[in-house]
N, C-alpha and C. Protein backbone atom coordinates (compact mmCIF):
# COMPACT_ATOMS: atom_id res chain seq x y z
N MET A 1 15.47 -18.09 0.82
CA MET A 1 13.63 -17.01 1.10
C MET A 1 13.32 -17.40 2.94
N ILE A 2 13.64 -16.53 3.54
CA ILE A 2 12.56 -16.54 5.09
C ILE A 2 11.65 -16.13 4.91
N TYR A 3 10.37 -17.68 4.99
CA TYR A 3 9.51 -17.01 4.83
C TYR A 3 8.85 -16.63 5.84
N SER A 4 8.79 -16.85 7.06
CA SER A 4 8.77 -16.70 8.19
C SER A 4 9.14 -16.43 9.38
N LEU A 5 9.09 -15.85 10.76
CA LEU A 5 9.53 -15.35 11.73
C LEU A 5 8.37 -15.85 13.30
N LYS A 6 9.16 -16.54 13.86
CA LYS A 6 8.24 -17.02 15.27
C LYS A 6 9.35 -16.42 16.71
N GLY A 7 8.69 -15.13 17.32
CA GLY A 7 10.04 -14.78 18.17
C GLY A 7 9.74 -14.05 19.13
N ALA A 8 10.45 -13.42 20.29
CA ALA A 8 9.91 -12.45 21.23
C ALA A 8 10.08 -11.54 20.27
N LEU A 9 9.13 -10.45 20.18
CA LEU A 9 8.83 -9.51 20.53
C LEU A 9 10.06 -8.26 21.26
N LEU A 10 11.01 -7.26 20.43
CA LEU A 10 12.08 -6.61 21.40
C LEU A 10 11.95 -5.55 21.22
N GLU A 11 11.50 -4.72 19.71
CA GLU A 11 11.28 -3.35 19.85
C GLU A 11 10.33 -3.11 18.65
N LYS A 12 9.39 -2.32 18.74
CA LYS A 12 8.85 -1.80 17.38
C LYS A 12 8.95 -0.01 17.56
N HIS A 13 8.56 0.26 16.23
CA HIS A 13 8.63 1.42 15.60
C HIS A 13 8.04 1.79 14.32
N GLY A 14 7.89 2.94 14.21
CA GLY A 14 6.59 3.47 12.73
C GLY A 14 6.77 2.84 12.17
N SER A 15 8.38 2.52 11.32
CA SER A 15 7.89 1.28 10.21
C SER A 15 8.49 0.21 10.36
N TRP A 16 9.23 -0.07 11.41
CA TRP A 16 9.97 -1.69 11.72
C TRP A 16 9.91 -1.81 12.81
N PHE A 17 10.23 -2.85 13.05
CA PHE A 17 10.44 -3.60 14.43
C PHE A 17 11.56 -5.30 14.93
N VAL A 18 11.50 -5.52 15.69
CA VAL A 18 13.05 -6.07 15.45
C VAL A 18 12.13 -7.73 16.75
N VAL A 19 12.17 -8.84 15.95
CA VAL A 19 12.01 -10.27 16.26
C VAL A 19 13.61 -11.02 16.45
N GLU A 20 13.40 -11.29 18.13
CA GLU A 20 14.60 -12.06 18.46
C GLU A 20 14.04 -13.78 18.06
N ILE A 21 15.23 -14.17 17.86
CA ILE A 21 14.79 -15.94 18.03
C ILE A 21 15.77 -16.90 18.07
N GLY A 22 16.32 -17.18 18.58
CA GLY A 22 17.07 -18.33 18.91
C GLY A 22 18.53 -17.85 19.65
N GLY A 23 18.58 -16.09 19.91
CA GLY A 23 19.75 -15.73 20.35
C GLY A 23 20.39 -14.67 19.34
N MET A 24 19.37 -14.71 17.50
CA MET A 24 19.33 -14.16 16.76
C MET A 24 18.46 -12.50 17.10
N ALA A 25 18.63 -11.62 16.69
CA ALA A 25 17.16 -10.20 16.46
C ALA A 25 17.35 -9.81 15.04
N PHE A 26 16.30 -9.96 14.10
CA PHE A 26 16.00 -9.87 12.94
C PHE A 26 15.44 -8.30 13.42
N LEU A 27 16.33 -7.46 12.37
CA LEU A 27 14.83 -5.84 11.99
C LEU A 27 13.99 -6.57 10.81
N VAL A 28 12.95 -6.04 11.31
CA VAL A 28 12.23 -6.53 9.81
C VAL A 28 11.27 -5.25 9.51
N LYS A 29 11.53 -4.60 8.69
CA LYS A 29 10.56 -3.59 7.78
C LYS A 29 9.24 -3.71 7.48
N SER A 30 8.30 -2.75 8.00
CA SER A 30 6.99 -2.61 7.44
C SER A 30 6.03 -2.43 7.75
N SER A 31 4.52 -2.16 7.14
CA SER A 31 3.55 -1.20 7.12
C SER A 31 3.48 -0.61 8.84
N PHE A 32 2.78 0.56 8.82
CA PHE A 32 2.93 1.36 10.08
C PHE A 32 1.38 0.92 10.41
N ASN A 33 0.35 -0.45 9.82
CA ASN A 33 -0.52 -0.91 10.04
C ASN A 33 -0.30 -2.34 10.53
N VAL A 34 1.28 -2.70 10.17
CA VAL A 34 1.39 -3.78 10.77
C VAL A 34 1.84 -3.55 12.54
N VAL A 35 2.97 -2.50 12.59
CA VAL A 35 3.64 -2.34 13.71
C VAL A 35 2.72 -2.26 14.21
N LYS A 36 1.52 -1.14 14.20
CA LYS A 36 0.72 -1.07 14.78
C LYS A 36 -0.09 -2.09 15.46
N SER A 37 -0.56 -3.36 14.30
CA SER A 37 -0.81 -4.52 15.31
C SER A 37 -0.70 -5.01 15.80
N LEU A 38 1.14 -5.55 16.01
CA LEU A 38 1.58 -5.94 16.54
C LEU A 38 0.94 -6.25 18.24
N PRO A 39 1.63 -7.53 18.72
CA PRO A 39 1.17 -7.20 19.97
C PRO A 39 2.50 -6.53 21.01
N GLN A 40 2.55 -6.84 22.47
CA GLN A 40 3.20 -5.62 22.94
C GLN A 40 4.94 -5.90 23.17
N ILE A 41 5.95 -5.40 23.89
CA ILE A 41 7.29 -5.78 23.57
C ILE A 41 7.31 -7.01 24.43
N GLY A 42 7.88 -8.17 24.35
CA GLY A 42 7.81 -9.14 24.95
C GLY A 42 7.65 -10.63 24.52
N GLN A 43 6.10 -10.08 24.20
CA GLN A 43 5.29 -11.38 23.83
C GLN A 43 6.09 -12.00 21.97
N ILE A 44 5.34 -13.15 22.22
CA ILE A 44 6.04 -13.87 20.64
C ILE A 44 4.53 -13.21 19.45
N VAL A 45 5.55 -12.92 18.79
CA VAL A 45 5.18 -12.98 17.78
C VAL A 45 5.12 -13.82 16.08
N ASN A 46 4.29 -14.35 15.26
CA ASN A 46 4.37 -14.56 14.15
C ASN A 46 3.76 -13.91 12.88
N VAL A 47 5.23 -14.05 12.06
CA VAL A 47 4.68 -12.49 10.73
C VAL A 47 5.83 -13.68 9.63
N TYR A 48 4.67 -13.02 8.83
CA TYR A 48 5.57 -13.48 7.43
C TYR A 48 6.76 -12.48 6.86
N THR A 49 7.39 -13.08 6.09
CA THR A 49 8.57 -12.38 5.70
C THR A 49 8.91 -12.31 3.93
N TYR A 50 9.69 -11.55 3.54
CA TYR A 50 10.37 -11.64 2.38
C TYR A 50 11.24 -10.63 2.33
N LEU A 51 12.31 -11.66 1.56
CA LEU A 51 13.54 -11.30 1.27
C LEU A 51 13.63 -10.72 0.63
N HIS A 52 14.48 -9.11 0.75
CA HIS A 52 14.93 -8.30 -0.61
C HIS A 52 15.85 -7.92 -0.38
N VAL A 53 16.91 -8.62 -1.81
CA VAL A 53 18.15 -8.60 -1.59
C VAL A 53 18.75 -7.32 -2.87
N ARG A 54 19.26 -6.82 -2.30
CA ARG A 54 20.13 -5.70 -3.54
C ARG A 54 21.11 -6.12 -3.43
N GLU A 55 21.93 -5.17 -4.09
CA GLU A 55 23.40 -5.40 -4.25
C GLU A 55 24.31 -5.00 -3.16
N ASP A 56 23.42 -4.14 -2.30
CA ASP A 56 24.89 -3.74 -0.92
C ASP A 56 23.60 -3.54 0.55
N ALA A 57 22.74 -4.57 0.43
CA ALA A 57 21.69 -4.87 1.17
C ALA A 57 20.60 -5.67 1.11
N LEU A 58 20.69 -6.70 1.97
CA LEU A 58 19.39 -7.53 2.39
C LEU A 58 18.25 -6.76 4.25
N GLU A 59 16.95 -6.93 2.85
CA GLU A 59 16.50 -6.52 4.34
C GLU A 59 15.10 -7.50 3.89
N LEU A 60 14.46 -7.62 5.34
CA LEU A 60 13.60 -8.52 5.31
C LEU A 60 12.08 -7.79 5.70
N TYR A 61 11.09 -7.56 4.89
CA TYR A 61 9.70 -7.49 5.08
C TYR A 61 8.95 -8.10 5.67
N GLY A 62 8.02 -7.52 6.72
CA GLY A 62 7.30 -8.38 7.77
C GLY A 62 5.68 -8.18 7.13
N PHE A 63 5.27 -8.92 7.45
CA PHE A 63 3.14 -8.73 6.91
C PHE A 63 3.09 -10.42 8.49
N LEU A 64 1.51 -9.92 8.59
CA LEU A 64 0.85 -9.98 9.13
C LEU A 64 0.19 -11.85 9.17
N ASP A 65 -0.20 -11.66 7.35
CA ASP A 65 -0.52 -12.53 6.77
C ASP A 65 -0.41 -12.95 5.57
N LYS A 66 -0.98 -13.80 4.74
CA LYS A 66 -0.01 -14.20 3.66
C LYS A 66 -0.71 -13.48 2.45
N GLU A 67 -1.93 -12.87 2.36
CA GLU A 67 -2.50 -12.34 1.56
C GLU A 67 -2.26 -10.53 1.66
N GLU A 68 -1.53 -10.37 2.15
CA GLU A 68 -1.13 -8.88 2.50
C GLU A 68 0.74 -9.02 1.68
N LEU A 69 1.57 -10.28 1.95
CA LEU A 69 2.53 -10.66 1.49
C LEU A 69 2.60 -10.95 0.23
N ASN A 70 1.39 -11.14 -0.21
CA ASN A 70 0.57 -11.88 -1.91
C ASN A 70 0.46 -10.54 -2.73
N LEU A 71 -0.32 -9.96 -1.66
CA LEU A 71 -0.29 -8.17 -2.15
C LEU A 71 1.07 -7.61 -2.67
N PHE A 72 1.82 -7.59 -1.48
CA PHE A 72 3.23 -6.85 -1.99
C PHE A 72 3.94 -7.23 -2.80
N GLU A 73 3.99 -8.91 -2.84
CA GLU A 73 4.98 -9.57 -3.89
C GLU A 73 4.34 -9.23 -5.56
N LYS A 74 2.74 -9.26 -5.75
CA LYS A 74 2.36 -8.71 -7.11
C LYS A 74 2.84 -7.20 -7.09
N LEU A 75 2.78 -6.30 -5.79
CA LEU A 75 3.35 -4.49 -6.17
C LEU A 75 4.73 -4.51 -6.53
N ILE A 76 5.44 -4.92 -6.05
CA ILE A 76 6.79 -5.26 -6.36
C ILE A 76 6.88 -5.49 -7.48
N SER A 77 6.02 -6.42 -8.29
CA SER A 77 6.56 -7.11 -9.67
C SER A 77 6.37 -6.35 -10.71
N ILE A 78 5.91 -4.82 -10.77
CA ILE A 78 5.55 -3.92 -11.42
C ILE A 78 6.46 -2.90 -11.35
N SER A 79 6.73 -3.10 -12.53
CA SER A 79 8.25 -1.40 -13.14
C SER A 79 7.94 -0.26 -12.16
N GLY A 80 8.39 -0.13 -11.58
CA GLY A 80 8.78 1.24 -10.92
C GLY A 80 8.09 1.67 -9.49
N ILE A 81 7.75 0.06 -9.13
CA ILE A 81 7.30 0.14 -7.86
C ILE A 81 8.46 -0.49 -6.83
N GLY A 82 9.51 0.00 -6.23
CA GLY A 82 10.16 -0.61 -4.57
C GLY A 82 9.60 -1.47 -3.51
N PRO A 83 10.26 -2.14 -2.80
CA PRO A 83 9.23 -2.62 -2.00
C PRO A 83 9.37 -0.89 -0.86
N LYS A 84 9.45 -0.42 -0.76
CA LYS A 84 9.29 1.19 -0.25
C LYS A 84 8.09 1.59 -0.59
N SER A 85 7.98 1.48 -1.87
CA SER A 85 6.67 2.21 -2.15
C SER A 85 5.14 0.93 -2.28
N ALA A 86 5.66 0.11 -2.15
CA ALA A 86 4.42 -1.16 -2.03
C ALA A 86 4.08 -1.01 -0.25
N MET A 87 5.44 -0.85 0.35
CA MET A 87 4.70 -0.85 2.04
C MET A 87 4.32 0.19 2.62
N GLY A 88 4.52 1.56 1.74
CA GLY A 88 3.55 2.70 1.67
C GLY A 88 2.27 2.10 1.57
N ILE A 89 1.95 1.71 0.43
CA ILE A 89 0.43 1.22 -0.18
C ILE A 89 -0.31 0.25 0.85
N LEU A 90 0.52 -0.50 1.09
CA LEU A 90 0.03 -1.40 2.77
C LEU A 90 -0.21 -0.47 3.61
N GLY A 91 0.62 0.72 4.16
CA GLY A 91 0.04 1.06 5.11
C GLY A 91 -1.38 1.97 5.17
N VAL A 92 -1.58 2.42 3.79
CA VAL A 92 -3.14 2.87 3.60
C VAL A 92 -4.10 2.84 4.07
N GLU A 93 -4.31 0.91 3.40
CA GLU A 93 -5.44 0.19 4.35
C GLU A 93 -5.18 -1.28 4.53
N LYS A 94 -6.09 -2.04 4.99
CA LYS A 94 -5.61 -3.52 4.80
C LYS A 94 -5.91 -3.96 3.35
N ALA A 95 -4.78 -5.30 3.74
CA ALA A 95 -4.87 -5.85 2.21
C ALA A 95 -6.59 -5.92 1.43
N ASP A 96 -7.32 -6.38 2.24
CA ASP A 96 -8.58 -6.92 1.40
C ASP A 96 -9.19 -5.75 0.68
N LYS A 97 -9.03 -4.44 1.14
CA LYS A 97 -9.55 -2.96 1.26
C LYS A 97 -8.68 -2.48 -0.50
N LEU A 98 -7.54 -2.80 -0.39
CA LEU A 98 -6.50 -2.02 -1.61
C LEU A 98 -6.72 -3.50 -2.62
N ARG A 99 -7.18 -4.69 -2.11
CA ARG A 99 -7.15 -5.10 -3.74
C ARG A 99 -8.40 -4.80 -4.36
N ALA A 100 -9.43 -4.61 -3.44
CA ALA A 100 -10.66 -4.11 -3.81
C ALA A 100 -11.04 -2.85 -4.52
N ALA A 101 -9.82 -1.96 -4.01
CA ALA A 101 -9.48 -0.13 -5.36
C ALA A 101 -9.17 -0.70 -6.03
N ILE A 102 -7.96 -1.64 -6.12
CA ILE A 102 -7.68 -2.15 -7.43
C ILE A 102 -8.30 -2.67 -8.69
N ILE A 103 -9.34 -3.48 -8.06
CA ILE A 103 -9.94 -4.49 -9.25
C ILE A 103 -11.17 -3.14 -9.35
N GLU A 104 -11.50 -2.35 -8.49
CA GLU A 104 -12.74 -1.48 -8.83
C GLU A 104 -12.33 -0.59 -9.60
N GLY A 105 -10.97 -0.33 -10.00
CA GLY A 105 -9.98 0.88 -10.72
C GLY A 105 -10.55 2.15 -10.02
N ARG A 106 -10.06 2.08 -8.38
CA ARG A 106 -9.96 3.45 -7.87
C ARG A 106 -8.82 3.84 -7.44
N SER A 107 -8.24 4.52 -8.14
CA SER A 107 -6.76 5.00 -8.08
C SER A 107 -6.35 5.79 -7.21
N GLU A 108 -7.87 7.08 -6.22
CA GLU A 108 -7.65 7.82 -5.70
C GLU A 108 -7.71 7.57 -4.65
N LEU A 109 -8.01 6.17 -4.55
CA LEU A 109 -7.52 5.62 -2.59
C LEU A 109 -5.70 5.08 -3.11
N LEU A 110 -5.35 4.55 -3.84
CA LEU A 110 -4.26 3.98 -3.84
C LEU A 110 -3.13 5.59 -3.87
N THR A 111 -3.70 6.96 -4.30
CA THR A 111 -2.80 7.82 -4.10
C THR A 111 -2.60 8.66 -2.83
N LYS A 112 -3.25 7.44 -1.71
CA LYS A 112 -3.06 8.17 -0.74
C LYS A 112 -1.43 8.17 0.20
N ALA A 113 -0.87 6.73 -0.56
CA ALA A 113 -0.15 6.92 -0.24
C ALA A 113 1.24 7.58 -0.67
N SER A 114 2.16 7.80 0.46
CA SER A 114 3.16 8.94 0.24
C SER A 114 4.03 8.42 -1.38
N GLY A 115 4.28 9.26 -2.52
CA GLY A 115 5.26 8.60 -3.36
C GLY A 115 4.50 8.40 -4.96
N VAL A 116 3.18 8.37 -4.36
CA VAL A 116 2.14 7.08 -5.09
C VAL A 116 1.75 8.38 -5.86
N GLY A 117 1.13 8.89 -6.82
CA GLY A 117 0.81 9.56 -7.81
C GLY A 117 -0.26 8.86 -8.76
N LYS A 118 -0.86 10.02 -9.81
CA LYS A 118 -2.35 9.08 -10.47
C LYS A 118 -1.63 8.25 -11.35
N LYS A 119 -0.32 8.32 -12.11
CA LYS A 119 0.19 7.75 -13.45
C LYS A 119 0.26 6.44 -12.44
N THR A 120 0.82 6.39 -11.53
CA THR A 120 1.52 5.10 -10.96
C THR A 120 0.36 4.73 -10.26
N ALA A 121 -0.62 4.93 -9.02
CA ALA A 121 -1.79 3.98 -9.43
C ALA A 121 -2.60 3.38 -10.07
N ASP A 122 -2.94 4.13 -11.47
CA ASP A 122 -3.01 4.10 -12.68
C ASP A 122 -2.65 2.75 -13.62
N ARG A 123 -1.27 2.64 -13.60
CA ARG A 123 -0.55 1.67 -13.78
C ARG A 123 -0.88 0.31 -12.94
N ILE A 124 -0.21 0.30 -11.82
CA ILE A 124 -0.93 -0.45 -10.72
C ILE A 124 -2.01 -0.75 -10.95
N ILE A 125 -3.51 -0.03 -11.20
CA ILE A 125 -4.58 -0.81 -11.71
C ILE A 125 -5.03 -1.59 -12.87
N LEU A 126 -3.60 -1.03 -13.84
CA LEU A 126 -3.70 -1.31 -15.26
C LEU A 126 -3.21 -3.01 -15.16
N GLU A 127 -1.75 -2.96 -14.20
CA GLU A 127 -1.17 -4.13 -14.47
C GLU A 127 -1.62 -5.27 -13.15
N LEU A 128 -2.70 -5.20 -12.28
CA LEU A 128 -2.57 -5.95 -11.02
C LEU A 128 -4.16 -6.48 -11.40
N ARG A 129 -5.07 -5.73 -12.46
CA ARG A 129 -6.42 -5.49 -12.05
C ARG A 129 -7.22 -6.68 -12.39
N ASN A 130 -7.16 -7.70 -13.00
CA ASN A 130 -7.10 -8.88 -13.62
C ASN A 130 -6.39 -10.19 -12.80
N LYS A 131 -5.27 -9.66 -12.59
CA LYS A 131 -4.35 -10.73 -11.23
C LYS A 131 -4.89 -10.87 -10.10
N LEU A 132 -5.65 -10.17 -9.80
CA LEU A 132 -6.74 -10.26 -8.38
C LEU A 132 -7.83 -10.86 -8.42
N ALA A 133 -8.25 -11.27 -7.35
CA ALA A 133 -9.59 -12.46 -7.56
C ALA A 133 -10.04 -11.93 -6.04
N GLN A 134 -11.22 -11.19 -6.25
CA GLN A 134 -11.87 -11.22 -4.39
C GLN A 134 -13.69 -11.02 -5.47
N GLU A 135 -14.58 -10.91 -4.21
CA GLU A 135 -15.72 -11.30 -4.29
C GLU A 135 -15.91 -10.00 -3.24
N GLY A 136 -17.08 -9.01 -4.13
CA GLY A 136 -17.47 -8.13 -2.97
C GLY A 136 -17.13 -7.03 -2.97
N THR A 137 -16.09 -6.75 -4.01
CA THR A 137 -15.01 -5.82 -4.26
C THR A 137 -15.84 -3.95 -4.34
N GLY A 138 -17.14 -4.47 -5.20
CA GLY A 138 -18.04 -2.49 -5.24
C GLY A 138 -18.58 -2.61 -3.34
N LYS A 139 -18.32 -3.49 -3.02
CA LYS A 139 -19.07 -3.67 -1.57
C LYS A 139 -18.35 -3.04 -0.28
N ILE A 140 -16.84 -3.53 -0.72
CA ILE A 140 -15.99 -2.72 0.11
C ILE A 140 -15.42 -1.36 -0.15
N VAL A 141 -15.34 -1.18 -1.38
CA VAL A 141 -14.94 0.13 -1.75
C VAL A 141 -15.67 1.50 -1.34
N GLY A 142 -17.62 1.07 -1.84
CA GLY A 142 -18.78 1.65 -1.10
C GLY A 142 -17.89 1.85 0.61
N ILE A 143 -18.19 1.09 1.50
CA ILE A 143 -17.92 1.31 2.97
C ILE A 143 -16.61 1.76 3.14
N MET A 144 -14.93 2.04 1.78
CA MET A 144 -14.45 2.60 2.51
C MET A 144 -14.65 3.71 2.68
N GLU A 145 -15.18 4.51 1.66
CA GLU A 145 -15.39 5.79 0.50
C GLU A 145 -16.78 6.35 2.26
N ALA A 146 -17.82 5.21 2.39
CA ALA A 146 -18.19 5.78 3.64
C ALA A 146 -17.75 6.26 4.92
N ASP A 147 -16.27 5.65 5.31
CA ASP A 147 -16.08 5.86 6.54
C ASP A 147 -15.20 6.92 6.25
N HIS A 148 -13.75 7.39 4.33
CA HIS A 148 -13.61 8.34 4.56
C HIS A 148 -14.79 9.12 5.18
N ASP A 149 -15.96 9.53 4.59
CA ASP A 149 -16.77 10.44 5.11
C ASP A 149 -17.37 10.82 6.44
N ILE A 150 -17.41 9.90 6.73
CA ILE A 150 -17.52 9.44 8.61
C ILE A 150 -16.57 10.23 9.13
N VAL A 151 -14.50 9.63 9.03
CA VAL A 151 -13.64 10.93 9.39
C VAL A 151 -13.78 11.77 9.36
N GLU A 152 -14.01 12.16 8.15
CA GLU A 152 -13.51 13.96 7.67
C GLU A 152 -15.11 14.50 8.68
N ALA A 153 -16.40 13.73 9.13
CA ALA A 153 -17.31 14.40 9.32
C ALA A 153 -16.89 14.34 11.33
N LEU A 154 -16.15 12.98 11.31
CA LEU A 154 -15.97 13.63 12.71
C LEU A 154 -14.20 14.37 13.40
N SER A 155 -13.91 14.67 12.29
CA SER A 155 -12.94 15.78 12.31
C SER A 155 -13.96 16.54 12.49
N ASN A 156 -14.39 17.33 11.96
CA ASN A 156 -15.17 18.62 12.02
C ASN A 156 -15.90 19.12 13.23
N LEU A 157 -16.13 17.44 13.93
CA LEU A 157 -16.96 17.70 15.29
C LEU A 157 -16.06 17.93 16.09
N GLY A 158 -14.41 17.68 15.76
CA GLY A 158 -13.52 18.10 17.03
C GLY A 158 -13.07 16.55 17.13
N TYR A 159 -13.28 15.66 16.51
CA TYR A 159 -12.61 14.40 17.06
C TYR A 159 -11.14 13.97 16.32
N THR A 160 -10.41 14.01 16.73
CA THR A 160 -8.72 13.39 15.42
C THR A 160 -8.98 12.27 14.66
N LYS A 161 -8.66 12.36 13.66
CA LYS A 161 -8.71 11.43 12.69
C LYS A 161 -8.02 10.12 13.55
N SER A 162 -7.77 9.95 13.93
CA SER A 162 -7.30 8.56 14.82
C SER A 162 -8.29 8.14 15.24
N GLN A 163 -8.52 9.21 15.97
CA GLN A 163 -10.29 8.29 17.29
C GLN A 163 -11.12 8.06 16.29
N ALA A 164 -11.11 8.80 15.52
CA ALA A 164 -12.54 8.23 14.27
C ALA A 164 -11.96 6.61 13.90
N LYS A 165 -10.57 6.87 12.92
CA LYS A 165 -10.41 5.39 13.07
C LYS A 165 -10.30 4.27 13.64
N ASP A 166 -10.04 4.49 14.56
CA ASP A 166 -9.86 3.87 15.85
C ASP A 166 -10.87 2.72 16.40
N ALA A 167 -12.20 3.88 16.14
CA ALA A 167 -13.61 3.51 16.41
C ALA A 167 -14.51 3.20 15.25
N LEU A 168 -14.18 3.08 14.24
CA LEU A 168 -14.40 2.39 12.63
C LEU A 168 -14.14 0.87 12.79
N ALA A 169 -12.69 1.22 13.81
CA ALA A 169 -11.68 -0.26 13.24
C ALA A 169 -12.32 -1.48 14.01
N LYS A 170 -13.33 -0.78 15.21
CA LYS A 170 -13.56 -1.69 16.09
C LYS A 170 -15.35 -2.10 15.73
N ILE A 171 -15.96 -1.21 14.97
CA ILE A 171 -17.44 -1.56 14.37
C ILE A 171 -17.09 -2.94 13.55
N ASN A 172 -18.45 -3.58 14.11
CA ASN A 172 -18.72 -4.93 13.52
C ASN A 172 -18.98 -5.06 12.02
N PRO A 173 -17.99 -5.74 11.33
CA PRO A 173 -17.56 -5.66 9.98
C PRO A 173 -19.00 -5.74 8.86
N GLY A 174 -19.89 -6.75 9.76
CA GLY A 174 -21.95 -7.03 9.47
C GLY A 174 -22.37 -5.32 9.34
N VAL A 175 -21.63 -4.52 9.68
CA VAL A 175 -22.60 -3.32 9.59
C VAL A 175 -22.14 -2.03 8.69
N VAL A 176 -23.09 -2.61 7.75
CA VAL A 176 -22.49 -1.80 6.04
C VAL A 176 -22.98 -1.00 5.82
N LYS A 177 -24.12 -0.24 6.10
CA LYS A 177 -25.26 0.83 6.30
C LYS A 177 -24.10 1.88 6.96
N MET A 178 -24.34 3.30 6.29
CA MET A 178 -23.21 4.30 6.30
C MET A 178 -24.37 4.93 8.03
N GLU A 179 -25.45 5.13 7.77
CA GLU A 179 -26.06 6.04 8.92
C GLU A 179 -25.70 4.68 10.32
N GLU A 180 -26.22 3.38 10.16
CA GLU A 180 -25.53 2.83 11.17
C GLU A 180 -23.87 2.29 11.58
N ARG A 181 -23.14 2.90 10.70
CA ARG A 181 -21.80 2.78 11.37
C ARG A 181 -21.83 3.97 11.94
N ILE A 182 -22.07 5.41 11.08
CA ILE A 182 -22.35 6.58 12.20
C ILE A 182 -22.48 6.30 13.37
N LYS A 183 -23.93 6.07 13.51
CA LYS A 183 -24.23 5.62 14.96
C LYS A 183 -23.40 4.46 15.77
N GLU A 184 -22.54 3.10 15.13
CA GLU A 184 -21.83 2.70 16.17
C GLU A 184 -20.57 3.08 16.53
N VAL A 185 -20.01 3.90 15.68
CA VAL A 185 -18.76 4.94 15.66
C VAL A 185 -19.05 6.26 16.89
N LEU A 186 -20.21 6.83 16.23
CA LEU A 186 -20.48 8.22 17.92
C LEU A 186 -20.74 7.70 19.19
N ARG A 187 -21.62 6.01 19.34
CA ARG A 187 -21.64 4.81 20.60
C ARG A 187 -20.20 4.70 20.82
N LEU A 188 -19.43 4.41 20.20
CA LEU A 188 -17.88 3.89 20.51
C LEU A 188 -17.54 4.97 21.23
N LEU A 189 -17.75 6.12 20.62
CA LEU A 189 -16.33 7.13 21.08
C LEU A 189 -17.08 8.22 22.43
N LYS A 190 -18.14 8.49 22.09
CA LYS A 190 -19.07 8.53 23.72
C LYS A 190 -18.34 7.56 24.75
N ASN A 191 -18.38 6.30 24.24
CA ASN A 191 -18.61 5.54 25.62
C ASN A 191 -16.91 5.03 26.21
N ARG A 192 -15.98 5.79 25.17
CA ARG A 192 -14.69 6.09 25.83
C ARG A 192 -14.14 6.73 26.68
């Protein structure tokens, strides 16, 4: 098992990146969120990995932290959920928010992933709800729903969804009330 990689980032694209270590280059598949969070090309990157062994291929999947790797492993342990589907789910939100959605039984948040329908989302919740432990999940899900509403409202005002999501990501996590989050997002968008 290749547990982690630390080396120079050679390339990065939508769902994969390449890390060079001692003259060897490793192609690592990942979620859009992880690839977006990687440093610039040429910088040193440290990622946790999962080696998926198939009859016809060896595929390396990369994660920024152990929590994300752990959730990926739990997702692929469910019958019918492969690495591609698991990466799609992890690409929707950060691991703590996905964990909260699963614990709170919020299937609609999981169905945002490509190829994950209501039945699959319900099966994920059924199988993982009791295996995941996290405090404050109701609060996290509430913030996620408010953020979704904020993104929709801002897109109606002419901002792109990516602009709104980027501004929301920059807000202090301690700001939890929707009104305060809206004020902060608008302040950030105004100062761009």
